[in-house]
Amino acid sequence: MYGMRAQDKAPATHFRCDRLCRVNGALYFTTRECTLEGPFDNAAAAEKEIQAYIERMQVLCTSR
């Protein structure tokens, strides 16, 4: 995907990937901020928390 995110200084190619991963059998998701969030009991719980995380980050970015 070619475009700009709010924090980018110039357009660039950004590759989307699966946010969910397993670490030692536990389910986590990764963020653009290079954090590993979890563990979660199942993919549905992780997806729900991904959406909540995105919403929290959007509020933080707009309040600056």
N, C-alpha and C. Protein backbone atom coordinates (compact mmCIF):
# COMPACT_ATOMS: atom_id res chain seq x y z
N MET A 1 0.85 -1.17 0.00
CA MET A 1 0.00 0.00 0.00
C MET A 1 0.90 1.23 0.00
N TYR A 2 0.72 2.10 -0.98
CA TYR A 2 1.51 3.32 -1.09
C TYR A 2 0.70 4.47 -0.51
N GLY A 3 1.26 5.18 0.43
CA GLY A 3 0.55 6.30 1.02
C GLY A 3 1.30 6.85 2.22
N MET A 4 0.61 7.74 2.93
CA MET A 4 1.23 8.37 4.10
C MET A 4 0.38 8.11 5.33
N ARG A 5 1.06 7.79 6.42
CA ARG A 5 0.42 7.76 7.72
C ARG A 5 0.64 9.14 8.33
N ALA A 6 -0.09 9.46 9.37
CA ALA A 6 0.00 10.80 9.98
C ALA A 6 1.41 11.17 10.39
N GLN A 7 2.19 10.20 10.89
CA GLN A 7 3.52 10.50 11.39
C GLN A 7 4.61 10.44 10.32
N ASP A 8 4.26 10.03 9.08
CA ASP A 8 5.25 9.92 8.01
C ASP A 8 5.58 11.30 7.44
N LYS A 9 6.84 11.48 7.08
CA LYS A 9 7.28 12.73 6.48
C LYS A 9 7.11 12.73 4.96
N ALA A 10 7.05 11.54 4.35
CA ALA A 10 6.87 11.41 2.90
C ALA A 10 6.13 10.12 2.60
N PRO A 11 5.45 10.04 1.44
CA PRO A 11 4.75 8.81 1.08
C PRO A 11 5.73 7.64 0.97
N ALA A 12 5.26 6.46 1.32
CA ALA A 12 6.10 5.27 1.27
C ALA A 12 5.22 4.05 1.10
N THR A 13 5.83 2.93 0.80
CA THR A 13 5.10 1.68 0.70
C THR A 13 5.03 1.04 2.07
N HIS A 14 3.82 0.67 2.49
CA HIS A 14 3.60 0.01 3.77
C HIS A 14 2.97 -1.34 3.50
N PHE A 15 3.52 -2.37 4.08
CA PHE A 15 3.02 -3.72 3.89
C PHE A 15 2.17 -4.13 5.08
N ARG A 16 0.98 -4.60 4.79
CA ARG A 16 0.11 -5.10 5.85
C ARG A 16 0.44 -6.56 6.10
N CYS A 17 0.33 -6.98 7.35
CA CYS A 17 0.58 -8.37 7.68
C CYS A 17 -0.41 -8.81 8.74
N ASP A 18 -0.46 -10.08 8.96
CA ASP A 18 -1.32 -10.62 9.99
C ASP A 18 -0.83 -10.13 11.34
N ARG A 19 -1.69 -9.52 12.12
CA ARG A 19 -1.29 -8.98 13.41
C ARG A 19 -1.19 -10.05 14.49
N LEU A 20 -1.82 -11.20 14.26
CA LEU A 20 -1.83 -12.25 15.27
C LEU A 20 -0.63 -13.17 15.10
N CYS A 21 -0.07 -13.56 16.23
CA CYS A 21 1.03 -14.52 16.20
C CYS A 21 0.98 -15.35 17.47
N ARG A 22 1.67 -16.46 17.44
CA ARG A 22 1.77 -17.32 18.62
C ARG A 22 3.20 -17.29 19.13
N VAL A 23 3.33 -17.12 20.43
CA VAL A 23 4.63 -17.16 21.08
C VAL A 23 4.52 -18.21 22.18
N ASN A 24 5.31 -19.26 22.05
CA ASN A 24 5.25 -20.37 23.01
C ASN A 24 3.82 -20.87 23.20
N GLY A 25 3.06 -20.91 22.11
CA GLY A 25 1.70 -21.41 22.14
C GLY A 25 0.64 -20.41 22.53
N ALA A 26 1.03 -19.23 23.01
CA ALA A 26 0.07 -18.20 23.42
C ALA A 26 -0.18 -17.23 22.27
N LEU A 27 -1.41 -16.72 22.16
CA LEU A 27 -1.82 -15.83 21.08
C LEU A 27 -1.61 -14.37 21.48
N TYR A 28 -0.92 -13.62 20.61
CA TYR A 28 -0.61 -12.21 20.82
C TYR A 28 -0.88 -11.44 19.54
N PHE A 29 -0.88 -10.10 19.64
CA PHE A 29 -0.85 -9.29 18.42
C PHE A 29 0.28 -8.28 18.54
N THR A 30 0.82 -7.89 17.39
CA THR A 30 1.90 -6.93 17.35
C THR A 30 1.36 -5.57 16.92
N THR A 31 2.07 -4.51 17.31
CA THR A 31 1.64 -3.16 16.97
C THR A 31 2.72 -2.44 16.18
N ARG A 32 2.34 -1.33 15.55
CA ARG A 32 3.32 -0.51 14.83
C ARG A 32 4.34 0.09 15.80
N GLU A 33 3.95 0.19 17.05
CA GLU A 33 4.86 0.73 18.07
C GLU A 33 5.83 -0.32 18.59
N CYS A 34 5.82 -1.48 17.95
CA CYS A 34 6.72 -2.60 18.27
C CYS A 34 6.46 -3.17 19.67
N THR A 35 5.19 -3.27 20.03
CA THR A 35 4.84 -3.93 21.27
C THR A 35 4.12 -5.23 20.94
N LEU A 36 4.16 -6.15 21.86
CA LEU A 36 3.49 -7.44 21.74
C LEU A 36 2.41 -7.46 22.81
N GLU A 37 1.15 -7.48 22.39
CA GLU A 37 0.02 -7.39 23.31
C GLU A 37 -0.63 -8.77 23.48
N GLY A 38 -0.94 -9.13 24.71
CA GLY A 38 -1.58 -10.42 24.95
C GLY A 38 -1.08 -10.99 26.25
N PRO A 39 -1.27 -12.24 26.50
CA PRO A 39 -1.85 -13.27 25.62
C PRO A 39 -3.38 -13.25 25.66
N PHE A 40 -3.97 -13.88 24.63
CA PHE A 40 -5.42 -13.97 24.48
C PHE A 40 -5.82 -15.43 24.39
N ASP A 41 -7.06 -15.70 24.85
CA ASP A 41 -7.57 -17.07 24.86
C ASP A 41 -7.88 -17.59 23.46
N ASN A 42 -8.31 -16.68 22.57
CA ASN A 42 -8.68 -17.10 21.22
C ASN A 42 -8.56 -15.91 20.26
N ALA A 43 -8.70 -16.20 18.97
CA ALA A 43 -8.53 -15.16 17.95
C ALA A 43 -9.61 -14.09 18.05
N ALA A 44 -10.83 -14.47 18.41
CA ALA A 44 -11.91 -13.49 18.53
C ALA A 44 -11.60 -12.47 19.64
N ALA A 45 -11.10 -12.94 20.76
CA ALA A 45 -10.74 -12.03 21.86
C ALA A 45 -9.59 -11.11 21.43
N ALA A 46 -8.64 -11.64 20.70
CA ALA A 46 -7.51 -10.84 20.22
C ALA A 46 -8.00 -9.79 19.23
N GLU A 47 -8.87 -10.16 18.31
CA GLU A 47 -9.40 -9.21 17.32
C GLU A 47 -10.16 -8.08 18.01
N LYS A 48 -10.92 -8.42 19.03
CA LYS A 48 -11.67 -7.41 19.78
C LYS A 48 -10.70 -6.43 20.45
N GLU A 49 -9.63 -6.95 21.02
CA GLU A 49 -8.64 -6.08 21.68
C GLU A 49 -7.84 -5.28 20.67
N ILE A 50 -7.61 -5.83 19.47
CA ILE A 50 -6.94 -5.06 18.41
C ILE A 50 -7.75 -3.81 18.10
N GLN A 51 -9.06 -3.97 17.94
CA GLN A 51 -9.92 -2.82 17.63
C GLN A 51 -9.89 -1.81 18.77
N ALA A 52 -9.94 -2.28 20.00
CA ALA A 52 -9.89 -1.37 21.16
C ALA A 52 -8.55 -0.64 21.21
N TYR A 53 -7.46 -1.34 20.89
CA TYR A 53 -6.13 -0.73 20.87
C TYR A 53 -6.06 0.38 19.82
N ILE A 54 -6.58 0.10 18.63
CA ILE A 54 -6.58 1.09 17.55
C ILE A 54 -7.36 2.33 17.98
N GLU A 55 -8.51 2.12 18.59
CA GLU A 55 -9.31 3.26 19.04
C GLU A 55 -8.58 4.08 20.10
N ARG A 56 -7.90 3.41 21.03
CA ARG A 56 -7.12 4.14 22.05
C ARG A 56 -6.00 4.95 21.41
N MET A 57 -5.32 4.37 20.44
CA MET A 57 -4.21 5.08 19.78
C MET A 57 -4.72 6.27 18.98
N GLN A 58 -5.88 6.14 18.35
CA GLN A 58 -6.45 7.26 17.60
C GLN A 58 -6.80 8.42 18.53
N VAL A 59 -7.34 8.11 19.70
CA VAL A 59 -7.65 9.15 20.68
C VAL A 59 -6.37 9.83 21.14
N LEU A 60 -5.32 9.05 21.41
CA LEU A 60 -4.04 9.64 21.83
C LEU A 60 -3.47 10.56 20.77
N CYS A 61 -3.53 10.13 19.52
CA CYS A 61 -2.95 10.94 18.43
C CYS A 61 -3.72 12.20 18.17
N THR A 62 -5.04 12.18 18.34
CA THR A 62 -5.83 13.38 18.08
C THR A 62 -5.79 14.36 19.25
N SER A 63 -5.41 13.86 20.43
CA SER A 63 -5.36 14.76 21.60
C SER A 63 -4.04 15.49 21.73
N ARG A 64 -3.09 15.21 20.85
CA ARG A 64 -1.78 15.89 20.90
C ARG A 64 -1.81 17.22 20.24
